[in-house]
Amino acid sequence: MGLPKHDLPDVQIYERGLRNVGLDGAIDTVILHWQSLWDGRLDEISHSSGQAVPESVRSYLQHSGSLFIFCGDPGTGKTVAAETAADRYARTMGIDGQVIRMTAATRGQGLVASSRRRS
């Protein structure tokens, strides 16, 4: 059995994203990062704002990976934000994409670290 996948764009992901409030800031940040990294949007942003993108920002966006790790308590919207961002990006760019979910079953116990008291 493979990892759970969703082809994009996806109507259910889109509609769920519309119903959730308070995630737009995180979603916009992810999409801007992808656009800056993959679509050359830095020059467009610089031109439209009339200001140069600082070299440190340009370097960070162009040399950082496109991996995003959403962390937080269960039920805080991590999966919705990630899937909605990917769906919006696919719709905006007119491309097909895919979301692959990592689940507790996929990664085993899901423990990054554990500790115990020494006796």
N, C-alpha and C. Protein backbone atom coordinates (compact mmCIF):
# COMPACT_ATOMS: atom_id res chain seq x y z
N MET A 1 0.84 -1.18 0.00
CA MET A 1 0.00 0.00 0.00
C MET A 1 0.89 1.24 0.00
N GLY A 2 0.62 2.17 -0.89
CA GLY A 2 1.41 3.38 -0.99
C GLY A 2 0.91 4.48 -0.07
N LEU A 3 1.56 5.61 -0.16
CA LEU A 3 1.16 6.77 0.64
C LEU A 3 -0.15 7.35 0.11
N PRO A 4 -0.98 7.91 1.00
CA PRO A 4 -2.22 8.54 0.56
C PRO A 4 -1.91 9.76 -0.33
N LYS A 5 -2.52 9.80 -1.51
CA LYS A 5 -2.26 10.88 -2.47
C LYS A 5 -3.55 11.55 -2.90
N HIS A 6 -3.45 12.83 -3.24
CA HIS A 6 -4.57 13.58 -3.82
C HIS A 6 -4.03 14.29 -5.06
N ASP A 7 -4.70 14.07 -6.19
CA ASP A 7 -4.33 14.80 -7.39
C ASP A 7 -4.88 16.21 -7.30
N LEU A 8 -4.12 17.16 -7.82
CA LEU A 8 -4.52 18.57 -7.79
C LEU A 8 -4.67 19.09 -9.21
N PRO A 9 -5.55 20.04 -9.40
CA PRO A 9 -6.48 20.61 -8.43
C PRO A 9 -7.55 19.61 -8.02
N ASP A 10 -8.07 19.82 -6.81
CA ASP A 10 -9.04 18.91 -6.21
C ASP A 10 -10.20 19.73 -5.65
N VAL A 11 -11.41 19.45 -6.08
CA VAL A 11 -12.59 20.22 -5.68
C VAL A 11 -12.82 20.16 -4.17
N GLN A 12 -12.67 18.98 -3.58
CA GLN A 12 -12.90 18.85 -2.13
C GLN A 12 -11.89 19.67 -1.32
N ILE A 13 -10.63 19.64 -1.72
CA ILE A 13 -9.60 20.43 -1.02
C ILE A 13 -9.91 21.91 -1.19
N TYR A 14 -10.29 22.31 -2.39
CA TYR A 14 -10.63 23.72 -2.65
C TYR A 14 -11.78 24.17 -1.76
N GLU A 15 -12.86 23.40 -1.73
CA GLU A 15 -14.03 23.78 -0.94
C GLU A 15 -13.73 23.79 0.56
N ARG A 16 -12.94 22.83 1.02
CA ARG A 16 -12.57 22.81 2.43
C ARG A 16 -11.73 24.04 2.78
N GLY A 17 -10.85 24.44 1.88
CA GLY A 17 -10.05 25.64 2.09
C GLY A 17 -10.89 26.90 2.19
N LEU A 18 -11.99 26.96 1.43
CA LEU A 18 -12.88 28.11 1.49
C LEU A 18 -13.61 28.20 2.82
N ARG A 19 -13.89 27.06 3.42
CA ARG A 19 -14.64 27.02 4.68
C ARG A 19 -13.79 27.35 5.90
N ASN A 20 -12.50 27.19 5.81
CA ASN A 20 -11.63 27.41 6.96
C ASN A 20 -11.16 28.85 7.02
N VAL A 21 -11.26 29.42 8.20
CA VAL A 21 -10.84 30.81 8.39
C VAL A 21 -9.59 30.84 9.24
N GLY A 22 -8.81 31.90 9.05
CA GLY A 22 -7.62 32.10 9.86
C GLY A 22 -6.35 31.47 9.32
N LEU A 23 -6.43 30.80 8.18
CA LEU A 23 -5.25 30.14 7.62
C LEU A 23 -4.66 30.88 6.43
N ASP A 24 -5.33 31.93 5.97
CA ASP A 24 -4.88 32.61 4.75
C ASP A 24 -3.46 33.15 4.84
N GLY A 25 -3.06 33.66 6.00
CA GLY A 25 -1.70 34.18 6.15
C GLY A 25 -0.65 33.11 5.92
N ALA A 26 -0.85 31.95 6.53
CA ALA A 26 0.10 30.85 6.36
C ALA A 26 0.09 30.35 4.92
N ILE A 27 -1.10 30.23 4.34
CA ILE A 27 -1.22 29.75 2.96
C ILE A 27 -0.56 30.72 2.00
N ASP A 28 -0.80 32.02 2.16
CA ASP A 28 -0.18 33.03 1.30
C ASP A 28 1.34 33.00 1.40
N THR A 29 1.87 32.78 2.60
CA THR A 29 3.32 32.72 2.80
C THR A 29 3.92 31.54 2.04
N VAL A 30 3.28 30.39 2.13
CA VAL A 30 3.76 29.21 1.43
C VAL A 30 3.72 29.44 -0.08
N ILE A 31 2.61 29.96 -0.58
CA ILE A 31 2.47 30.19 -2.03
C ILE A 31 3.49 31.22 -2.51
N LEU A 32 3.69 32.30 -1.77
CA LEU A 32 4.69 33.30 -2.16
C LEU A 32 6.08 32.69 -2.22
N HIS A 33 6.39 31.84 -1.26
CA HIS A 33 7.69 31.19 -1.26
C HIS A 33 7.85 30.31 -2.50
N TRP A 34 6.83 29.51 -2.82
CA TRP A 34 6.90 28.68 -4.02
C TRP A 34 7.03 29.51 -5.27
N GLN A 35 6.25 30.59 -5.37
CA GLN A 35 6.31 31.45 -6.55
C GLN A 35 7.68 32.10 -6.68
N SER A 36 8.23 32.54 -5.56
CA SER A 36 9.55 33.16 -5.59
C SER A 36 10.61 32.16 -6.01
N LEU A 37 10.49 30.96 -5.51
CA LEU A 37 11.48 29.92 -5.76
C LEU A 37 11.37 29.37 -7.17
N TRP A 38 10.14 29.10 -7.62
CA TRP A 38 9.96 28.38 -8.87
C TRP A 38 9.54 29.24 -10.05
N ASP A 39 8.92 30.38 -9.81
CA ASP A 39 8.29 31.10 -10.91
C ASP A 39 8.88 32.48 -11.21
N GLY A 40 10.00 32.81 -10.60
CA GLY A 40 10.63 34.10 -10.86
C GLY A 40 9.82 35.30 -10.42
N ARG A 41 8.97 35.13 -9.43
CA ARG A 41 8.11 36.22 -8.98
C ARG A 41 8.87 37.34 -8.28
N LEU A 42 10.11 37.11 -7.85
CA LEU A 42 10.84 38.16 -7.15
C LEU A 42 10.98 39.42 -8.01
N ASP A 43 11.31 39.23 -9.27
CA ASP A 43 11.47 40.38 -10.15
C ASP A 43 10.14 41.09 -10.37
N GLU A 44 9.07 40.32 -10.49
CA GLU A 44 7.73 40.91 -10.66
C GLU A 44 7.34 41.72 -9.42
N ILE A 45 7.59 41.17 -8.25
CA ILE A 45 7.28 41.87 -7.00
C ILE A 45 8.10 43.15 -6.90
N SER A 46 9.37 43.06 -7.23
CA SER A 46 10.26 44.22 -7.19
C SER A 46 9.77 45.32 -8.15
N HIS A 47 9.40 44.91 -9.35
CA HIS A 47 8.94 45.88 -10.35
C HIS A 47 7.63 46.53 -9.93
N SER A 48 6.68 45.73 -9.46
CA SER A 48 5.37 46.29 -9.11
C SER A 48 5.42 47.17 -7.87
N SER A 49 6.35 46.88 -6.96
CA SER A 49 6.45 47.69 -5.74
C SER A 49 7.36 48.90 -5.92
N GLY A 50 8.17 48.86 -6.98
CA GLY A 50 9.12 49.96 -7.20
C GLY A 50 10.31 49.90 -6.26
N GLN A 51 10.47 48.79 -5.59
CA GLN A 51 11.59 48.63 -4.65
C GLN A 51 12.34 47.35 -4.97
N ALA A 52 13.63 47.40 -4.80
CA ALA A 52 14.44 46.22 -5.02
C ALA A 52 14.22 45.22 -3.88
N VAL A 53 14.21 43.97 -4.24
CA VAL A 53 14.14 42.93 -3.21
C VAL A 53 15.54 42.84 -2.60
N PRO A 54 15.65 42.99 -1.28
CA PRO A 54 16.98 42.93 -0.66
C PRO A 54 17.71 41.64 -1.04
N GLU A 55 18.99 41.75 -1.29
CA GLU A 55 19.78 40.60 -1.73
C GLU A 55 19.71 39.44 -0.73
N SER A 56 19.65 39.77 0.56
CA SER A 56 19.58 38.70 1.56
C SER A 56 18.28 37.91 1.42
N VAL A 57 17.17 38.60 1.13
CA VAL A 57 15.87 37.94 0.94
C VAL A 57 15.92 37.12 -0.34
N ARG A 58 16.42 37.71 -1.42
CA ARG A 58 16.52 37.01 -2.70
C ARG A 58 17.36 35.74 -2.55
N SER A 59 18.50 35.85 -1.90
CA SER A 59 19.39 34.71 -1.71
C SER A 59 18.72 33.62 -0.89
N TYR A 60 18.05 34.02 0.19
CA TYR A 60 17.37 33.03 1.04
C TYR A 60 16.31 32.27 0.26
N LEU A 61 15.46 32.99 -0.46
CA LEU A 61 14.38 32.34 -1.20
C LEU A 61 14.88 31.46 -2.33
N GLN A 62 15.96 31.89 -2.98
CA GLN A 62 16.45 31.13 -4.12
C GLN A 62 17.30 29.93 -3.72
N HIS A 63 17.84 29.94 -2.52
CA HIS A 63 18.72 28.85 -2.12
C HIS A 63 18.12 27.93 -1.06
N SER A 64 16.97 28.28 -0.57
CA SER A 64 16.34 27.41 0.42
C SER A 64 15.50 26.37 -0.30
N GLY A 65 15.26 25.30 0.36
CA GLY A 65 14.46 24.24 -0.24
C GLY A 65 12.99 24.59 -0.20
N SER A 66 12.20 23.80 -0.88
CA SER A 66 10.77 24.05 -0.92
C SER A 66 10.02 23.18 0.08
N LEU A 67 10.73 22.66 1.05
CA LEU A 67 10.10 21.83 2.07
C LEU A 67 9.51 22.70 3.17
N PHE A 68 8.27 22.44 3.48
CA PHE A 68 7.61 23.12 4.59
C PHE A 68 7.20 22.08 5.60
N ILE A 69 7.51 22.34 6.85
CA ILE A 69 7.09 21.46 7.92
C ILE A 69 6.08 22.21 8.76
N PHE A 70 4.87 21.71 8.78
CA PHE A 70 3.80 22.32 9.58
C PHE A 70 3.77 21.59 10.91
N CYS A 71 3.97 22.33 11.98
CA CYS A 71 3.94 21.68 13.29
C CYS A 71 2.91 22.37 14.17
N GLY A 72 2.37 21.63 15.06
CA GLY A 72 1.38 22.17 15.97
C GLY A 72 0.52 21.05 16.53
N ASP A 73 -0.31 21.43 17.44
CA ASP A 73 -1.20 20.46 18.07
C ASP A 73 -2.20 19.90 17.06
N PRO A 74 -2.73 18.70 17.33
CA PRO A 74 -3.76 18.14 16.45
C PRO A 74 -4.96 19.09 16.34
N GLY A 75 -5.48 19.17 15.13
CA GLY A 75 -6.69 19.97 14.92
C GLY A 75 -6.46 21.45 14.71
N THR A 76 -5.21 21.87 14.51
CA THR A 76 -4.93 23.31 14.35
C THR A 76 -4.92 23.77 12.89
N GLY A 77 -5.12 22.85 11.94
CA GLY A 77 -5.23 23.24 10.54
C GLY A 77 -4.00 23.00 9.69
N LYS A 78 -3.07 22.21 10.18
CA LYS A 78 -1.84 21.98 9.42
C LYS A 78 -2.12 21.31 8.07
N THR A 79 -2.88 20.24 8.08
CA THR A 79 -3.17 19.52 6.85
C THR A 79 -4.00 20.37 5.90
N VAL A 80 -5.00 21.06 6.43
CA VAL A 80 -5.84 21.93 5.60
C VAL A 80 -4.99 23.03 4.96
N ALA A 81 -4.11 23.65 5.73
CA ALA A 81 -3.26 24.72 5.18
C ALA A 81 -2.34 24.19 4.09
N ALA A 82 -1.71 23.06 4.33
CA ALA A 82 -0.78 22.50 3.34
C ALA A 82 -1.51 22.10 2.06
N GLU A 83 -2.63 21.40 2.20
CA GLU A 83 -3.36 20.97 1.00
C GLU A 83 -3.98 22.15 0.27
N THR A 84 -4.50 23.12 1.01
CA THR A 84 -5.11 24.30 0.37
C THR A 84 -4.06 25.11 -0.38
N ALA A 85 -2.88 25.27 0.22
CA ALA A 85 -1.80 26.01 -0.45
C ALA A 85 -1.41 25.31 -1.75
N ALA A 86 -1.25 23.99 -1.71
CA ALA A 86 -0.88 23.25 -2.91
C ALA A 86 -1.96 23.33 -3.98
N ASP A 87 -3.23 23.24 -3.56
CA ASP A 87 -4.34 23.33 -4.50
C ASP A 87 -4.41 24.72 -5.13
N ARG A 88 -4.28 25.76 -4.32
CA ARG A 88 -4.31 27.14 -4.86
C ARG A 88 -3.17 27.38 -5.82
N TYR A 89 -2.00 26.86 -5.49
CA TYR A 89 -0.84 27.03 -6.37
C TYR A 89 -1.11 26.34 -7.71
N ALA A 90 -1.61 25.12 -7.67
CA ALA A 90 -1.89 24.39 -8.91
C ALA A 90 -2.93 25.13 -9.75
N ARG A 91 -3.98 25.66 -9.10
CA ARG A 91 -5.01 26.40 -9.83
C ARG A 91 -4.46 27.69 -10.42
N THR A 92 -3.69 28.42 -9.62
CA THR A 92 -3.13 29.69 -10.08
C THR A 92 -2.19 29.50 -11.27
N MET A 93 -1.38 28.47 -11.21
CA MET A 93 -0.40 28.23 -12.25
C MET A 93 -0.96 27.43 -13.43
N GLY A 94 -2.19 26.89 -13.27
CA GLY A 94 -2.78 26.09 -14.34
C GLY A 94 -2.04 24.78 -14.55
N ILE A 95 -1.57 24.18 -13.46
CA ILE A 95 -0.81 22.94 -13.56
C ILE A 95 -1.49 21.84 -12.75
N ASP A 96 -1.11 20.61 -13.03
CA ASP A 96 -1.54 19.49 -12.22
C ASP A 96 -0.49 19.26 -11.15
N GLY A 97 -0.91 18.75 -10.02
CA GLY A 97 0.02 18.47 -8.94
C GLY A 97 -0.47 17.30 -8.12
N GLN A 98 0.20 17.08 -7.03
CA GLN A 98 -0.17 15.98 -6.16
C GLN A 98 0.24 16.31 -4.73
N VAL A 99 -0.62 15.98 -3.80
CA VAL A 99 -0.31 16.08 -2.38
C VAL A 99 -0.16 14.66 -1.87
N ILE A 100 0.93 14.42 -1.19
CA ILE A 100 1.18 13.10 -0.61
C ILE A 100 1.22 13.29 0.90
N ARG A 101 0.33 12.62 1.59
CA ARG A 101 0.22 12.77 3.04
C ARG A 101 1.13 11.79 3.77
N MET A 102 1.80 12.31 4.78
CA MET A 102 2.53 11.47 5.72
C MET A 102 1.60 11.25 6.90
N THR A 103 1.40 10.02 7.25
CA THR A 103 0.52 9.71 8.36
C THR A 103 1.31 9.03 9.47
N ALA A 104 0.71 8.89 10.62
CA ALA A 104 1.37 8.19 11.72
C ALA A 104 1.73 6.77 11.30
N ALA A 105 0.86 6.12 10.52
CA ALA A 105 1.15 4.77 10.05
C ALA A 105 2.36 4.76 9.12
N THR A 106 2.52 5.82 8.32
CA THR A 106 3.62 5.92 7.38
C THR A 106 4.94 6.06 8.09
N ARG A 107 4.96 6.87 9.13
CA ARG A 107 6.24 7.17 9.79
C ARG A 107 6.43 6.38 11.08
N GLY A 108 5.65 5.36 11.29
CA GLY A 108 5.82 4.53 12.48
C GLY A 108 5.11 5.14 13.66
N GLN A 109 5.76 5.18 14.78
CA GLN A 109 5.16 5.73 15.99
C GLN A 109 4.99 7.24 15.92
N GLY A 110 5.71 7.88 15.01
CA GLY A 110 5.58 9.32 14.87
C GLY A 110 6.34 10.09 15.92
N LEU A 111 7.15 9.41 16.71
CA LEU A 111 7.90 10.10 17.74
C LEU A 111 9.20 10.63 17.17
N VAL A 112 9.42 11.91 17.36
CA VAL A 112 10.68 12.52 16.93
C VAL A 112 11.72 12.27 18.01
N ALA A 113 11.33 12.44 19.22
CA ALA A 113 12.23 12.21 20.35
C ALA A 113 11.38 11.84 21.54
N SER A 114 11.96 11.11 22.42
CA SER A 114 11.25 10.81 23.64
C SER A 114 12.26 10.84 24.78
N SER A 115 11.73 11.03 25.94
CA SER A 115 12.62 11.04 27.10
C SER A 115 11.95 10.28 28.22
N ARG A 116 12.74 9.83 29.13
CA ARG A 116 12.21 9.18 30.31
C ARG A 116 13.11 9.50 31.47
N ARG A 117 12.54 9.47 32.59
CA ARG A 117 13.27 9.77 33.80
C ARG A 117 14.16 8.59 34.18
N ARG A 118 15.39 8.90 34.50
CA ARG A 118 16.28 7.84 34.96
C ARG A 118 15.98 7.48 36.39
N SER A 119 16.07 6.22 36.69
CA SER A 119 15.79 5.81 38.05
C SER A 119 17.05 5.87 38.89
